[in-house]
Amino acid sequence: MAETFRAETRARAADPCPQLFGGYGSMLEYPIARLHADARVTRLHVGTSEVMKVIVAESLGL
């Protein structure tokens, strides 16, 4: 549960950054673009949110 929460929170925080920083948010030479890419990969590494929510719900007996 914590891992899914962490991945989703990190992605929600990182998603607006490329728009906020403009061109710097899309060039991987800058830290903000690397953080955004890492946040997106983390979300995939953990598993899709829908699948993880189903697994958590089953473990809670819902």
PDB file of N, CA and C in Angstrom:
ATOM      1  N   MET A   1       0.823  -1.183   0.000  1.00  0.00           N
ATOM      2  CA  MET A   1       0.000   0.000   0.000  1.00  0.00           C
ATOM      3  C   MET A   1       0.872   1.253   0.000  1.00  0.00           C
ATOM      4  N   ALA A   2       1.897   1.233   0.822  1.00  0.00           N
ATOM      5  CA  ALA A   2       2.755   2.408   0.934  1.00  0.00           C
ATOM      6  C   ALA A   2       3.510   2.670  -0.363  1.00  0.00           C
ATOM      7  N   GLU A   3       3.938   1.604  -1.016  1.00  0.00           N
ATOM      8  CA  GLU A   3       4.681   1.771  -2.265  1.00  0.00           C
ATOM      9  C   GLU A   3       3.795   2.383  -3.351  1.00  0.00           C
ATOM     10  N   THR A   4       2.563   1.948  -3.443  1.00  0.00           N
ATOM     11  CA  THR A   4       1.631   2.516  -4.423  1.00  0.00           C
ATOM     12  C   THR A   4       1.356   3.973  -4.095  1.00  0.00           C
ATOM     13  N   PHE A   5       1.141   4.276  -2.830  1.00  0.00           N
ATOM     14  CA  PHE A   5       0.905   5.659  -2.417  1.00  0.00           C
ATOM     15  C   PHE A   5       2.098   6.544  -2.757  1.00  0.00           C
ATOM     16  N   ARG A   6       3.297   6.039  -2.495  1.00  0.00           N
ATOM     17  CA  ARG A   6       4.511   6.807  -2.770  1.00  0.00           C
ATOM     18  C   ARG A   6       4.658   7.084  -4.263  1.00  0.00           C
ATOM     19  N   ALA A   7       4.435   6.072  -5.080  1.00  0.00           N
ATOM     20  CA  ALA A   7       4.572   6.232  -6.528  1.00  0.00           C
ATOM     21  C   ALA A   7       3.540   7.206  -7.080  1.00  0.00           C
ATOM     22  N   GLU A   8       2.304   7.110  -6.606  1.00  0.00           N
ATOM     23  CA  GLU A   8       1.254   8.005  -7.084  1.00  0.00           C
ATOM     24  C   GLU A   8       1.499   9.446  -6.633  1.00  0.00           C
ATOM     25  N   THR A   9       1.930   9.628  -5.401  1.00  0.00           N
ATOM     26  CA  THR A   9       2.189  10.968  -4.892  1.00  0.00           C
ATOM     27  C   THR A   9       3.356  11.605  -5.627  1.00  0.00           C
ATOM     28  N   ARG A  10       4.394  10.821  -5.858  1.00  0.00           N
ATOM     29  CA  ARG A  10       5.555  11.332  -6.596  1.00  0.00           C
ATOM     30  C   ARG A  10       5.163  11.729  -8.012  1.00  0.00           C
ATOM     31  N   ALA A  11       4.325  10.935  -8.662  1.00  0.00           N
ATOM     32  CA  ALA A  11       3.892  11.246 -10.016  1.00  0.00           C
ATOM     33  C   ALA A  11       3.017  12.491 -10.046  1.00  0.00           C
ATOM     34  N   ARG A  12       2.118  12.627  -9.073  1.00  0.00           N
ATOM     35  CA  ARG A  12       1.262  13.822  -9.021  1.00  0.00           C
ATOM     36  C   ARG A  12       2.079  15.091  -8.811  1.00  0.00           C
ATOM     37  N   ALA A  13       3.145  14.995  -8.042  1.00  0.00           N
ATOM     38  CA  ALA A  13       3.998  16.158  -7.806  1.00  0.00           C
ATOM     39  C   ALA A  13       4.862  16.475  -9.031  1.00  0.00           C
ATOM     40  N   ALA A  14       5.271  15.451  -9.769  1.00  0.00           N
ATOM     41  CA  ALA A  14       6.188  15.649 -10.892  1.00  0.00           C
ATOM     42  C   ALA A  14       5.480  15.956 -12.203  1.00  0.00           C
ATOM     43  N   ASP A  15       4.219  15.597 -12.362  1.00  0.00           N
ATOM     44  CA  ASP A  15       3.526  15.786 -13.639  1.00  0.00           C
ATOM     45  C   ASP A  15       3.448  17.241 -14.089  1.00  0.00           C
ATOM     46  N   PRO A  16       3.161  18.203 -13.228  1.00  0.00           N
ATOM     47  CA  PRO A  16       3.085  19.589 -13.712  1.00  0.00           C
ATOM     48  C   PRO A  16       4.449  20.252 -13.940  1.00  0.00           C
ATOM     49  N   CYS A  17       5.530  19.629 -13.485  1.00  0.00           N
ATOM     50  CA  CYS A  17       6.847  20.269 -13.565  1.00  0.00           C
ATOM     51  C   CYS A  17       7.306  20.589 -14.989  1.00  0.00           C
ATOM     52  N   PRO A  18       7.172  19.691 -15.968  1.00  0.00           N
ATOM     53  CA  PRO A  18       7.616  20.065 -17.318  1.00  0.00           C
ATOM     54  C   PRO A  18       6.872  21.284 -17.864  1.00  0.00           C
ATOM     55  N   GLN A  19       5.599  21.417 -17.551  1.00  0.00           N
ATOM     56  CA  GLN A  19       4.858  22.593 -18.007  1.00  0.00           C
ATOM     57  C   GLN A  19       5.340  23.847 -17.280  1.00  0.00           C
ATOM     58  N   LEU A  20       5.623  23.710 -16.012  1.00  0.00           N
ATOM     59  CA  LEU A  20       6.060  24.846 -15.220  1.00  0.00           C
ATOM     60  C   LEU A  20       7.432  25.347 -15.680  1.00  0.00           C
ATOM     61  N   PHE A  21       8.326  24.431 -15.998  1.00  0.00           N
ATOM     62  CA  PHE A  21       9.687  24.807 -16.368  1.00  0.00           C
ATOM     63  C   PHE A  21       9.877  24.971 -17.867  1.00  0.00           C
ATOM     64  N   GLY A  22       8.839  24.737 -18.656  1.00  0.00           N
ATOM     65  CA  GLY A  22       8.923  24.942 -20.092  1.00  0.00           C
ATOM     66  C   GLY A  22       9.924  24.007 -20.750  1.00  0.00           C
ATOM     67  N   GLY A  23      10.821  24.550 -21.555  1.00  0.00           N
ATOM     68  CA  GLY A  23      11.801  23.752 -22.292  1.00  0.00           C
ATOM     69  C   GLY A  23      12.751  22.984 -21.397  1.00  0.00           C
ATOM     70  N   TYR A  24      13.044  23.538 -20.225  1.00  0.00           N
ATOM     71  CA  TYR A  24      13.942  22.843 -19.307  1.00  0.00           C
ATOM     72  C   TYR A  24      13.323  21.549 -18.794  1.00  0.00           C
ATOM     73  N   GLY A  25      11.999  21.485 -18.803  1.00  0.00           N
ATOM     74  CA  GLY A  25      11.320  20.286 -18.331  1.00  0.00           C
ATOM     75  C   GLY A  25      11.320  19.154 -19.316  1.00  0.00           C
ATOM     76  N   SER A  26      11.760  19.425 -20.554  1.00  0.00           N
ATOM     77  CA  SER A  26      11.751  18.362 -21.563  1.00  0.00           C
ATOM     78  C   SER A  26      13.145  17.915 -21.987  1.00  0.00           C
ATOM     79  N   MET A  27      14.177  18.603 -21.551  1.00  0.00           N
ATOM     80  CA  MET A  27      15.545  18.218 -21.910  1.00  0.00           C
ATOM     81  C   MET A  27      16.163  17.447 -20.755  1.00  0.00           C
ATOM     82  N   LEU A  28      16.578  16.237 -21.014  1.00  0.00           N
ATOM     83  CA  LEU A  28      17.065  15.356 -19.943  1.00  0.00           C
ATOM     84  C   LEU A  28      18.385  15.813 -19.333  1.00  0.00           C
ATOM     85  N   GLU A  29      18.993  16.860 -19.861  1.00  0.00           N
ATOM     86  CA  GLU A  29      20.214  17.394 -19.260  1.00  0.00           C
ATOM     87  C   GLU A  29      19.923  18.101 -17.931  1.00  0.00           C
ATOM     88  N   TYR A  30      18.667  18.473 -17.729  1.00  0.00           N
ATOM     89  CA  TYR A  30      18.297  19.214 -16.527  1.00  0.00           C
ATOM     90  C   TYR A  30      17.665  18.288 -15.497  1.00  0.00           C
ATOM     91  N   PRO A  31      17.919  18.538 -14.223  1.00  0.00           N
ATOM     92  CA  PRO A  31      17.422  17.645 -13.163  1.00  0.00           C
ATOM     93  C   PRO A  31      15.899  17.510 -13.142  1.00  0.00           C
ATOM     94  N   ILE A  32      15.183  18.576 -13.461  1.00  0.00           N
ATOM     95  CA  ILE A  32      13.723  18.505 -13.382  1.00  0.00           C
ATOM     96  C   ILE A  32      13.164  17.505 -14.386  1.00  0.00           C
ATOM     97  N   ALA A  33      13.749  17.429 -15.566  1.00  0.00           N
ATOM     98  CA  ALA A  33      13.294  16.467 -16.572  1.00  0.00           C
ATOM     99  C   ALA A  33      13.628  15.039 -16.150  1.00  0.00           C
ATOM    100  N   ARG A  34      14.784  14.850 -15.537  1.00  0.00           N
ATOM    101  CA  ARG A  34      15.148  13.510 -15.063  1.00  0.00           C
ATOM    102  C   ARG A  34      14.230  13.069 -13.928  1.00  0.00           C
ATOM    103  N   LEU A  35      13.882  13.995 -13.018  1.00  0.00           N
ATOM    104  CA  LEU A  35      12.964  13.655 -11.934  1.00  0.00           C
ATOM    105  C   LEU A  35      11.595  13.269 -12.472  1.00  0.00           C
ATOM    106  N   HIS A  36      11.127  13.984 -13.484  1.00  0.00           N
ATOM    107  CA  HIS A  36       9.832  13.664 -14.081  1.00  0.00           C
ATOM    108  C   HIS A  36       9.876  12.289 -14.738  1.00  0.00           C
ATOM    109  N   ALA A  37      10.932  11.997 -15.473  1.00  0.00           N
ATOM    110  CA  ALA A  37      11.058  10.687 -16.122  1.00  0.00           C
ATOM    111  C   ALA A  37      11.135   9.573 -15.080  1.00  0.00           C
ATOM    112  N   ASP A  38      11.892   9.799 -14.010  1.00  0.00           N
ATOM    113  CA  ASP A  38      11.999   8.794 -12.947  1.00  0.00           C
ATOM    114  C   ASP A  38      10.657   8.545 -12.275  1.00  0.00           C
ATOM    115  N   ALA A  39       9.876   9.596 -12.073  1.00  0.00           N
ATOM    116  CA  ALA A  39       8.567   9.442 -11.436  1.00  0.00           C
ATOM    117  C   ALA A  39       7.640   8.607 -12.308  1.00  0.00           C
ATOM    118  N   ARG A  40       7.699   8.803 -13.616  1.00  0.00           N
ATOM    119  CA  ARG A  40       6.846   8.038 -14.521  1.00  0.00           C
ATOM    120  C   ARG A  40       7.277   6.571 -14.560  1.00  0.00           C
ATOM    121  N   VAL A  41       8.576   6.326 -14.550  1.00  0.00           N
ATOM    122  CA  VAL A  41       9.069   4.950 -14.569  1.00  0.00           C
ATOM    123  C   VAL A  41       8.740   4.243 -13.262  1.00  0.00           C
ATOM    124  N   THR A  42       8.828   4.965 -12.152  1.00  0.00           N
ATOM    125  CA  THR A  42       8.495   4.372 -10.852  1.00  0.00           C
ATOM    126  C   THR A  42       7.051   3.903 -10.827  1.00  0.00           C
ATOM    127  N   ARG A  43       6.167   4.691 -11.431  1.00  0.00           N
ATOM    128  CA  ARG A  43       4.754   4.311 -11.464  1.00  0.00           C
ATOM    129  C   ARG A  43       4.576   3.002 -12.238  1.00  0.00           C
ATOM    130  N   LEU A  44       5.326   2.830 -13.310  1.00  0.00           N
ATOM    131  CA  LEU A  44       5.234   1.583 -14.077  1.00  0.00           C
ATOM    132  C   LEU A  44       5.910   0.429 -13.345  1.00  0.00           C
ATOM    133  N   HIS A  45       7.007   0.723 -12.659  1.00  0.00           N
ATOM    134  CA  HIS A  45       7.743  -0.322 -11.946  1.00  0.00           C
ATOM    135  C   HIS A  45       6.907  -0.905 -10.814  1.00  0.00           C
ATOM    136  N   VAL A  46       6.203  -0.060 -10.112  1.00  0.00           N
ATOM    137  CA  VAL A  46       5.362  -0.509  -8.995  1.00  0.00           C
ATOM    138  C   VAL A  46       4.210  -1.355  -9.521  1.00  0.00           C
ATOM    139  N   GLY A  47       3.692  -1.004 -10.667  1.00  0.00           N
ATOM    140  CA  GLY A  47       2.534  -1.675 -11.244  1.00  0.00           C
ATOM    141  C   GLY A  47       1.479  -0.627 -11.539  1.00  0.00           C
ATOM    142  N   THR A  48       0.591  -0.945 -12.447  1.00  0.00           N
ATOM    143  CA  THR A  48      -0.420   0.052 -12.760  1.00  0.00           C
ATOM    144  C   THR A  48      -1.282   0.309 -11.529  1.00  0.00           C
ATOM    145  N   SER A  49      -1.725   1.531 -11.402  1.00  0.00           N
ATOM    146  CA  SER A  49      -2.475   1.936 -10.211  1.00  0.00           C
ATOM    147  C   SER A  49      -3.742   1.111 -10.030  1.00  0.00           C
ATOM    148  N   GLU A  50      -4.423   0.841 -11.123  1.00  0.00           N
ATOM    149  CA  GLU A  50      -5.680   0.104 -11.024  1.00  0.00           C
ATOM    150  C   GLU A  50      -5.450  -1.304 -10.485  1.00  0.00           C
ATOM    151  N   VAL A  51      -4.412  -1.965 -10.970  1.00  0.00           N
ATOM    152  CA  VAL A  51      -4.109  -3.327 -10.516  1.00  0.00           C
ATOM    153  C   VAL A  51      -3.696  -3.309  -9.047  1.00  0.00           C
ATOM    154  N   MET A  52      -2.856  -2.331  -8.683  1.00  0.00           N
ATOM    155  CA  MET A  52      -2.408  -2.264  -7.299  1.00  0.00           C
ATOM    156  C   MET A  52      -3.573  -1.955  -6.353  1.00  0.00           C
ATOM    157  N   LYS A  53      -4.515  -1.127  -6.782  1.00  0.00           N
ATOM    158  CA  LYS A  53      -5.683  -0.842  -5.950  1.00  0.00           C
ATOM    159  C   LYS A  53      -6.540  -2.076  -5.751  1.00  0.00           C
ATOM    160  N   VAL A  54      -6.655  -2.904  -6.776  1.00  0.00           N
ATOM    161  CA  VAL A  54      -7.407  -4.150  -6.654  1.00  0.00           C
ATOM    162  C   VAL A  54      -6.713  -5.085  -5.669  1.00  0.00           C
ATOM    163  N   ILE A  55      -5.403  -5.175  -5.758  1.00  0.00           N
ATOM    164  CA  ILE A  55      -4.647  -6.051  -4.849  1.00  0.00           C
ATOM    165  C   ILE A  55      -4.801  -5.574  -3.405  1.00  0.00           C
ATOM    166  N   VAL A  56      -4.715  -4.273  -3.182  1.00  0.00           N
ATOM    167  CA  VAL A  56      -4.858  -3.719  -1.824  1.00  0.00           C
ATOM    168  C   VAL A  56      -6.279  -3.972  -1.323  1.00  0.00           C
ATOM    169  N   ALA A  57      -7.273  -3.757  -2.185  1.00  0.00           N
ATOM    170  CA  ALA A  57      -8.662  -3.978  -1.769  1.00  0.00           C
ATOM    171  C   ALA A  57      -8.902  -5.432  -1.395  1.00  0.00           C
ATOM    172  N   GLU A  58      -8.337  -6.351  -2.169  1.00  0.00           N
ATOM    173  CA  GLU A  58      -8.496  -7.786  -1.843  1.00  0.00           C
ATOM    174  C   GLU A  58      -7.820  -8.137  -0.535  1.00  0.00           C
ATOM    175  N   SER A  59      -6.656  -7.520  -0.285  1.00  0.00           N
ATOM    176  CA  SER A  59      -5.959  -7.813   0.961  1.00  0.00           C
ATOM    177  C   SER A  59      -6.714  -7.255   2.171  1.00  0.00           C
ATOM    178  N   LEU A  60      -7.509  -6.205   1.955  1.00  0.00           N
ATOM    179  CA  LEU A  60      -8.317  -5.653   3.041  1.00  0.00           C
ATOM    180  C   LEU A  60      -9.686  -6.333   3.155  1.00  0.00           C
ATOM    181  N   GLY A  61      -9.970  -7.251   2.226  1.00  0.00           N
ATOM    182  CA  GLY A  61     -11.227  -7.969   2.273  1.00  0.00           C
ATOM    183  C   GLY A  61     -12.393  -7.199   1.690  1.00  0.00           C
ATOM    184  N   LEU A  62     -12.117  -6.263   0.809  1.00  0.00           N
ATOM    185  CA  LEU A  62     -13.194  -5.462   0.202  1.00  0.00           C
ATOM    186  C   LEU A  62     -13.619  -6.032  -1.133  1.00  0.00           C
TER     187      LEU A  62
END
